[in-house]
Amino acid sequence: NMTDSVANTGDVQPHIFASLLIFWILVFICVVKGTESLKWAVYVTVPLPYIVLVILFFRGVTLEGADQGLEFYFKPDLAKLFSSPTPWVEAAAQIFFSLSVGT
């Protein structure tokens, strides 16, 4: 639901409002209870990224054409890779920028 400009914020989205309300209530409970609730918060937040990662992995593997994508990823065409210097130049540029050498 996009609005016509940045100045027009649009209507309140009920699903976003409900999720924000739930999380703000959870934050309030954690603040009121202090460090007692920290144990519970850690039990939820530590394994959650791994659970989401596994769910997204199986979702991605079950999509249409996933077998072709996995084959392309795990069995690269080495003739194309070594015939042109472009992939190597782009890889080197990525390394320098990720190390903040080129910025």
N, C-alpha and C. Protein backbone atom coordinates (compact mmCIF):
# COMPACT_ATOMS: atom_id res chain seq x y z
N ASN A 1 0.84 -1.17 0.00
CA ASN A 1 0.00 0.00 0.00
C ASN A 1 0.89 1.24 0.00
N MET A 2 1.24 1.69 -1.19
CA MET A 2 2.11 2.86 -1.30
C MET A 2 1.27 4.12 -1.42
N THR A 3 1.78 5.18 -0.83
CA THR A 3 1.12 6.47 -0.95
C THR A 3 1.75 7.24 -2.11
N ASP A 4 1.13 8.34 -2.46
CA ASP A 4 1.61 9.10 -3.60
C ASP A 4 2.84 9.96 -3.29
N SER A 5 3.12 10.22 -2.01
CA SER A 5 4.30 11.00 -1.65
C SER A 5 4.79 10.62 -0.26
N VAL A 6 5.97 11.08 0.07
CA VAL A 6 6.55 10.80 1.39
C VAL A 6 5.80 11.56 2.48
N ALA A 7 5.28 12.72 2.16
CA ALA A 7 4.57 13.53 3.15
C ALA A 7 3.24 12.89 3.56
N ASN A 8 2.64 12.10 2.68
CA ASN A 8 1.38 11.43 2.98
C ASN A 8 1.70 10.05 3.56
N THR A 9 1.47 9.87 4.86
CA THR A 9 1.83 8.61 5.51
C THR A 9 0.80 7.51 5.31
N GLY A 10 -0.40 7.84 4.92
CA GLY A 10 -1.41 6.83 4.67
C GLY A 10 -2.10 6.36 5.94
N ASP A 11 -2.88 5.29 5.80
CA ASP A 11 -3.63 4.75 6.92
C ASP A 11 -2.78 3.81 7.76
N VAL A 12 -3.25 3.53 8.98
CA VAL A 12 -2.58 2.58 9.85
C VAL A 12 -2.88 1.17 9.33
N GLN A 13 -1.82 0.38 9.18
CA GLN A 13 -1.98 -1.00 8.72
C GLN A 13 -2.21 -1.89 9.95
N PRO A 14 -3.34 -2.58 10.04
CA PRO A 14 -3.67 -3.33 11.27
C PRO A 14 -2.66 -4.41 11.61
N HIS A 15 -2.14 -5.13 10.63
CA HIS A 15 -1.20 -6.21 10.93
C HIS A 15 0.13 -5.66 11.46
N ILE A 16 0.56 -4.54 10.95
CA ILE A 16 1.79 -3.92 11.45
C ILE A 16 1.56 -3.35 12.84
N PHE A 17 0.41 -2.72 13.04
CA PHE A 17 0.08 -2.17 14.36
C PHE A 17 0.02 -3.27 15.41
N ALA A 18 -0.60 -4.41 15.07
CA ALA A 18 -0.73 -5.51 16.02
C ALA A 18 0.64 -6.09 16.38
N SER A 19 1.51 -6.28 15.39
CA SER A 19 2.83 -6.84 15.69
C SER A 19 3.67 -5.87 16.51
N LEU A 20 3.60 -4.58 16.20
CA LEU A 20 4.32 -3.59 17.00
C LEU A 20 3.79 -3.55 18.44
N LEU A 21 2.49 -3.64 18.60
CA LEU A 21 1.90 -3.62 19.93
C LEU A 21 2.37 -4.83 20.75
N ILE A 22 2.38 -5.99 20.12
CA ILE A 22 2.84 -7.20 20.82
C ILE A 22 4.29 -7.05 21.26
N PHE A 23 5.14 -6.57 20.38
CA PHE A 23 6.55 -6.45 20.74
C PHE A 23 6.80 -5.34 21.77
N TRP A 24 6.06 -4.26 21.69
CA TRP A 24 6.21 -3.22 22.71
C TRP A 24 5.74 -3.71 24.07
N ILE A 25 4.71 -4.53 24.11
CA ILE A 25 4.28 -5.13 25.38
C ILE A 25 5.35 -6.06 25.92
N LEU A 26 5.96 -6.85 25.04
CA LEU A 26 7.04 -7.73 25.48
C LEU A 26 8.24 -6.94 26.00
N VAL A 27 8.58 -5.86 25.34
CA VAL A 27 9.68 -5.00 25.81
C VAL A 27 9.33 -4.40 27.16
N PHE A 28 8.10 -3.95 27.32
CA PHE A 28 7.67 -3.37 28.59
C PHE A 28 7.78 -4.40 29.72
N ILE A 29 7.35 -5.63 29.45
CA ILE A 29 7.43 -6.69 30.47
C ILE A 29 8.89 -6.96 30.83
N CYS A 30 9.76 -7.00 29.82
CA CYS A 30 11.19 -7.23 30.08
C CYS A 30 11.80 -6.12 30.91
N VAL A 31 11.40 -4.88 30.64
CA VAL A 31 11.94 -3.75 31.40
C VAL A 31 11.41 -3.76 32.83
N VAL A 32 10.14 -4.08 33.02
CA VAL A 32 9.55 -4.08 34.36
C VAL A 32 10.14 -5.20 35.21
N LYS A 33 10.30 -6.38 34.64
CA LYS A 33 10.82 -7.50 35.42
C LYS A 33 12.33 -7.45 35.59
N GLY A 34 13.01 -6.67 34.79
CA GLY A 34 14.46 -6.54 34.92
C GLY A 34 15.19 -7.75 34.37
N THR A 35 16.24 -8.15 35.08
CA THR A 35 17.09 -9.23 34.58
C THR A 35 16.44 -10.60 34.68
N GLU A 36 15.35 -10.71 35.42
CA GLU A 36 14.65 -11.99 35.49
C GLU A 36 14.12 -12.41 34.13
N SER A 37 13.66 -11.45 33.36
CA SER A 37 13.10 -11.78 32.05
C SER A 37 14.17 -11.91 30.98
N LEU A 38 15.41 -11.56 31.29
CA LEU A 38 16.48 -11.65 30.31
C LEU A 38 16.73 -13.10 29.91
N LYS A 39 16.61 -13.99 30.85
CA LYS A 39 16.81 -15.42 30.57
C LYS A 39 15.79 -15.89 29.53
N TRP A 40 14.56 -15.50 29.68
CA TRP A 40 13.51 -15.88 28.73
C TRP A 40 13.77 -15.26 27.36
N ALA A 41 14.20 -14.00 27.34
CA ALA A 41 14.47 -13.33 26.08
C ALA A 41 15.62 -13.99 25.34
N VAL A 42 16.63 -14.42 26.06
CA VAL A 42 17.76 -15.10 25.43
C VAL A 42 17.33 -16.45 24.88
N TYR A 43 16.50 -17.17 25.59
CA TYR A 43 16.01 -18.45 25.11
C TYR A 43 15.25 -18.31 23.79
N VAL A 44 14.62 -17.18 23.59
CA VAL A 44 13.87 -16.96 22.36
C VAL A 44 14.76 -16.41 21.26
N THR A 45 15.58 -15.42 21.56
CA THR A 45 16.32 -14.72 20.51
C THR A 45 17.55 -15.45 20.01
N VAL A 46 18.14 -16.32 20.79
CA VAL A 46 19.33 -17.03 20.33
C VAL A 46 19.00 -18.09 19.28
N PRO A 47 18.06 -18.99 19.49
CA PRO A 47 17.81 -20.00 18.45
C PRO A 47 16.93 -19.50 17.30
N LEU A 48 16.28 -18.36 17.46
CA LEU A 48 15.36 -17.89 16.43
C LEU A 48 16.02 -17.68 15.07
N PRO A 49 17.20 -17.05 14.97
CA PRO A 49 17.81 -16.91 13.63
C PRO A 49 18.11 -18.24 12.95
N TYR A 50 18.52 -19.24 13.73
CA TYR A 50 18.81 -20.55 13.15
C TYR A 50 17.53 -21.23 12.67
N ILE A 51 16.46 -21.08 13.43
CA ILE A 51 15.18 -21.65 13.02
C ILE A 51 14.69 -20.99 11.73
N VAL A 52 14.79 -19.68 11.66
CA VAL A 52 14.38 -18.95 10.46
C VAL A 52 15.26 -19.35 9.28
N LEU A 53 16.56 -19.52 9.51
CA LEU A 53 17.48 -19.91 8.45
C LEU A 53 17.12 -21.29 7.89
N VAL A 54 16.79 -22.23 8.75
CA VAL A 54 16.41 -23.57 8.30
C VAL A 54 15.10 -23.50 7.52
N ILE A 55 14.14 -22.73 8.00
CA ILE A 55 12.86 -22.59 7.30
C ILE A 55 13.07 -21.98 5.92
N LEU A 56 13.88 -20.92 5.84
CA LEU A 56 14.14 -20.29 4.54
C LEU A 56 14.93 -21.21 3.61
N PHE A 57 15.83 -22.02 4.16
CA PHE A 57 16.57 -22.98 3.33
C PHE A 57 15.62 -23.98 2.67
N PHE A 58 14.75 -24.58 3.49
CA PHE A 58 13.83 -25.57 2.93
C PHE A 58 12.81 -24.92 1.99
N ARG A 59 12.43 -23.70 2.27
CA ARG A 59 11.53 -22.98 1.36
C ARG A 59 12.23 -22.74 0.02
N GLY A 60 13.48 -22.33 0.06
CA GLY A 60 14.22 -22.07 -1.17
C GLY A 60 14.48 -23.33 -1.97
N VAL A 61 14.75 -24.43 -1.30
CA VAL A 61 15.04 -25.68 -1.99
C VAL A 61 13.78 -26.25 -2.64
N THR A 62 12.63 -25.96 -2.09
CA THR A 62 11.39 -26.52 -2.64
C THR A 62 10.76 -25.64 -3.73
N LEU A 63 11.36 -24.49 -4.04
CA LEU A 63 10.82 -23.64 -5.10
C LEU A 63 11.06 -24.26 -6.47
N GLU A 64 10.25 -23.83 -7.42
CA GLU A 64 10.39 -24.32 -8.79
C GLU A 64 11.70 -23.80 -9.38
N GLY A 65 12.49 -24.70 -9.97
CA GLY A 65 13.76 -24.33 -10.58
C GLY A 65 14.92 -24.33 -9.60
N ALA A 66 14.69 -24.76 -8.37
CA ALA A 66 15.76 -24.76 -7.38
C ALA A 66 16.86 -25.74 -7.75
N ASP A 67 16.49 -26.85 -8.37
CA ASP A 67 17.50 -27.82 -8.75
C ASP A 67 18.46 -27.25 -9.80
N GLN A 68 17.94 -26.45 -10.72
CA GLN A 68 18.80 -25.81 -11.72
C GLN A 68 19.72 -24.79 -11.06
N GLY A 69 19.20 -24.03 -10.12
CA GLY A 69 20.01 -23.04 -9.44
C GLY A 69 21.10 -23.67 -8.60
N LEU A 70 20.77 -24.76 -7.90
CA LEU A 70 21.78 -25.45 -7.10
C LEU A 70 22.85 -26.08 -7.98
N GLU A 71 22.43 -26.63 -9.12
CA GLU A 71 23.40 -27.20 -10.05
C GLU A 71 24.33 -26.12 -10.60
N PHE A 72 23.77 -24.96 -10.94
CA PHE A 72 24.57 -23.84 -11.43
C PHE A 72 25.55 -23.36 -10.36
N TYR A 73 25.12 -23.41 -9.11
CA TYR A 73 25.96 -22.94 -8.00
C TYR A 73 27.09 -23.92 -7.68
N PHE A 74 26.78 -25.21 -7.63
CA PHE A 74 27.76 -26.21 -7.21
C PHE A 74 28.60 -26.77 -8.36
N LYS A 75 28.13 -26.61 -9.60
CA LYS A 75 28.90 -27.08 -10.76
C LYS A 75 29.11 -25.92 -11.72
N PRO A 76 30.05 -25.04 -11.41
CA PRO A 76 30.25 -23.88 -12.27
C PRO A 76 30.87 -24.28 -13.60
N ASP A 77 30.65 -23.45 -14.61
CA ASP A 77 31.25 -23.65 -15.92
C ASP A 77 32.66 -23.06 -15.87
N LEU A 78 33.63 -23.93 -15.68
CA LEU A 78 35.00 -23.47 -15.49
C LEU A 78 35.58 -22.85 -16.75
N ALA A 79 35.10 -23.26 -17.91
CA ALA A 79 35.59 -22.66 -19.16
C ALA A 79 35.25 -21.17 -19.21
N LYS A 80 34.03 -20.80 -18.81
CA LYS A 80 33.65 -19.39 -18.78
C LYS A 80 34.42 -18.64 -17.69
N LEU A 81 34.67 -19.34 -16.59
CA LEU A 81 35.33 -18.70 -15.46
C LEU A 81 36.77 -18.32 -15.78
N PHE A 82 37.47 -19.18 -16.51
CA PHE A 82 38.87 -18.93 -16.80
C PHE A 82 39.10 -18.25 -18.14
N SER A 83 38.07 -18.12 -18.97
CA SER A 83 38.26 -17.52 -20.29
C SER A 83 38.26 -15.99 -20.24
N SER A 84 37.69 -15.41 -19.23
CA SER A 84 37.58 -13.96 -19.15
C SER A 84 38.13 -13.47 -17.82
N PRO A 85 38.84 -12.35 -17.82
CA PRO A 85 39.35 -11.82 -16.54
C PRO A 85 38.29 -11.05 -15.75
N THR A 86 37.11 -10.82 -16.34
CA THR A 86 36.08 -10.01 -15.69
C THR A 86 35.66 -10.55 -14.32
N PRO A 87 35.38 -11.85 -14.16
CA PRO A 87 34.98 -12.32 -12.82
C PRO A 87 36.08 -12.12 -11.78
N TRP A 88 37.32 -12.27 -12.18
CA TRP A 88 38.42 -12.13 -11.25
C TRP A 88 38.62 -10.66 -10.85
N VAL A 89 38.45 -9.77 -11.79
CA VAL A 89 38.56 -8.34 -11.49
C VAL A 89 37.44 -7.92 -10.55
N GLU A 90 36.23 -8.39 -10.84
CA GLU A 90 35.10 -8.04 -9.97
C GLU A 90 35.24 -8.65 -8.58
N ALA A 91 35.80 -9.86 -8.50
CA ALA A 91 36.02 -10.49 -7.19
C ALA A 91 37.07 -9.72 -6.40
N ALA A 92 38.14 -9.30 -7.07
CA ALA A 92 39.17 -8.51 -6.39
C ALA A 92 38.61 -7.17 -5.92
N ALA A 93 37.78 -6.55 -6.75
CA ALA A 93 37.16 -5.28 -6.34
C ALA A 93 36.26 -5.48 -5.13
N GLN A 94 35.53 -6.58 -5.10
CA GLN A 94 34.67 -6.87 -3.95
C GLN A 94 35.50 -7.07 -2.69
N ILE A 95 36.63 -7.74 -2.82
CA ILE A 95 37.50 -7.96 -1.66
C ILE A 95 38.01 -6.62 -1.12
N PHE A 96 38.48 -5.75 -2.02
CA PHE A 96 38.99 -4.46 -1.57
C PHE A 96 37.92 -3.60 -0.93
N PHE A 97 36.71 -3.60 -1.51
CA PHE A 97 35.65 -2.79 -0.93
C PHE A 97 35.16 -3.38 0.40
N SER A 98 35.13 -4.69 0.53
CA SER A 98 34.68 -5.28 1.80
C SER A 98 35.70 -5.05 2.90
N LEU A 99 36.97 -4.91 2.53
CA LEU A 99 38.00 -4.59 3.52
C LEU A 99 38.16 -3.10 3.74
N SER A 100 37.36 -2.30 3.06
CA SER A 100 37.38 -0.85 3.13
C SER A 100 38.68 -0.24 2.63
N VAL A 101 39.32 -0.93 1.70
CA VAL A 101 40.55 -0.42 1.12
C VAL A 101 40.22 0.52 -0.05
N GLY A 102 39.15 0.22 -0.79
CA GLY A 102 38.84 0.97 -1.98
C GLY A 102 37.87 2.12 -1.78
N THR A 103 37.47 2.39 -0.54
CA THR A 103 36.49 3.47 -0.34
C THR A 103 37.14 4.72 0.17
